[in-house]
Amino acid sequence: MLTIHKFQIGPHITATGVVELPQEFRVLSVQVQRGVPCMWVLLDDAAPRLPTGIAIRSTGHDCTGLLNWAPAGTFQLDDGALVFHVFVRVH
């Protein structure tokens, strides 16, 4: 069954980490919910999950190595004073 899952991707900003996702997935949105950056993903609950790289970078900072990662979305903190971009490594 396809369902939408929420993954908290903060509060460690400008970091690279791992989330467990199936081989096929679709990022629907990246937003801040109650002060915490989150990513909503459509995925098949029955599919096996794999460690999937996720990277968060702020505007103007080094993005070396992310050119082949898929952009997942952008979110803002501090009333828009801070802008961050989320990338996901596609299997």
Protein backbone atom coordinates (compact mmCIF):
# COMPACT_ATOMS: atom_id res chain seq x y z
CA MET A 1 0.00 0.00 0.00
CA LEU A 2 1.25 3.47 -0.83
CA THR A 3 1.18 5.89 2.10
CA ILE A 4 2.69 9.22 3.03
CA HIS A 5 5.31 9.24 5.79
CA LYS A 6 6.80 12.18 7.65
CA PHE A 7 10.51 12.28 8.49
CA GLN A 8 11.92 14.88 10.84
CA ILE A 9 15.11 16.12 9.21
CA GLY A 10 16.21 18.60 11.85
CA PRO A 11 17.26 20.10 14.12
CA HIS A 12 20.82 19.44 12.91
CA ILE A 13 21.01 21.95 10.09
CA THR A 14 23.65 21.87 7.36
CA ALA A 15 24.31 18.20 7.91
CA THR A 16 24.34 14.93 6.05
CA GLY A 17 22.48 11.98 7.48
CA VAL A 18 20.53 8.85 6.59
CA VAL A 19 16.83 7.96 6.47
CA GLU A 20 15.38 4.53 5.67
CA LEU A 21 13.48 4.65 2.35
CA PRO A 22 12.48 2.02 -0.23
CA GLN A 23 14.20 2.01 -3.59
CA GLU A 24 11.26 3.85 -5.14
CA PHE A 25 9.84 6.89 -3.36
CA ARG A 26 8.68 10.42 -4.07
CA VAL A 27 9.38 13.43 -1.87
CA LEU A 28 6.16 15.43 -1.70
CA SER A 29 7.18 18.37 0.43
CA VAL A 30 9.76 19.81 2.80
CA GLN A 31 8.41 22.24 5.39
CA VAL A 32 8.82 23.34 8.99
CA GLN A 33 6.21 21.91 11.37
CA ARG A 34 6.18 23.28 14.91
CA GLY A 35 9.72 24.59 14.47
CA VAL A 36 11.16 21.29 13.17
CA PRO A 37 12.13 20.76 9.52
CA CYS A 38 10.24 17.75 8.10
CA MET A 39 10.06 15.89 4.81
CA TRP A 40 6.91 14.13 3.59
CA VAL A 41 7.50 11.12 1.35
CA LEU A 42 5.15 8.87 -0.65
CA LEU A 43 6.31 5.26 -0.43
CA ASP A 44 5.22 1.63 -0.52
CA ASP A 45 4.91 0.31 3.03
CA ALA A 46 5.61 -3.25 1.87
CA ALA A 47 8.85 -2.43 0.03
CA PRO A 48 12.14 -3.13 1.81
CA ARG A 49 13.86 0.01 3.05
CA LEU A 50 17.44 0.99 2.40
CA PRO A 51 19.69 3.57 4.06
CA THR A 52 19.25 6.71 1.96
CA GLY A 53 21.49 9.76 2.20
CA ILE A 54 19.92 13.11 2.95
CA ALA A 55 21.82 16.40 2.97
CA ILE A 56 20.81 19.86 4.17
CA ARG A 57 22.74 22.90 3.06
CA SER A 58 22.11 26.58 3.66
CA THR A 59 22.15 29.13 0.88
CA GLY A 60 25.70 30.17 -0.01
CA HIS A 61 27.42 27.20 1.65
CA ASP A 62 29.52 24.42 0.11
CA CYS A 63 27.48 21.80 -1.78
CA THR A 64 30.44 19.79 -3.08
CA GLY A 65 29.40 16.25 -3.94
CA LEU A 66 25.66 16.98 -4.16
CA LEU A 67 25.36 17.69 -7.88
CA ASN A 68 24.01 14.19 -8.59
CA TRP A 69 21.70 14.10 -5.57
CA ALA A 70 18.00 14.89 -6.16
CA PRO A 71 16.74 18.19 -4.79
CA ALA A 72 13.91 17.45 -2.36
CA GLY A 73 12.86 20.94 -1.31
CA THR A 74 13.65 24.13 0.53
CA PHE A 75 12.56 25.39 3.94
CA GLN A 76 13.02 28.57 5.93
CA LEU A 77 13.64 29.27 9.60
CA ASP A 78 13.72 32.44 11.71
CA ASP A 79 10.94 34.14 9.72
CA GLY A 80 12.79 33.57 6.45
CA ALA A 81 16.17 34.86 7.62
CA LEU A 82 17.66 31.37 7.16
CA VAL A 83 17.04 29.35 3.99
CA PHE A 84 18.00 25.66 3.70
CA HIS A 85 17.91 23.21 0.80
CA VAL A 86 17.37 19.46 1.13
CA PHE A 87 18.90 16.85 -1.18
CA VAL A 88 18.28 13.09 -1.29
CA ARG A 89 20.63 10.50 -2.74
CA VAL A 90 18.67 8.45 -5.26
CA HIS A 91 19.35 4.69 -5.15
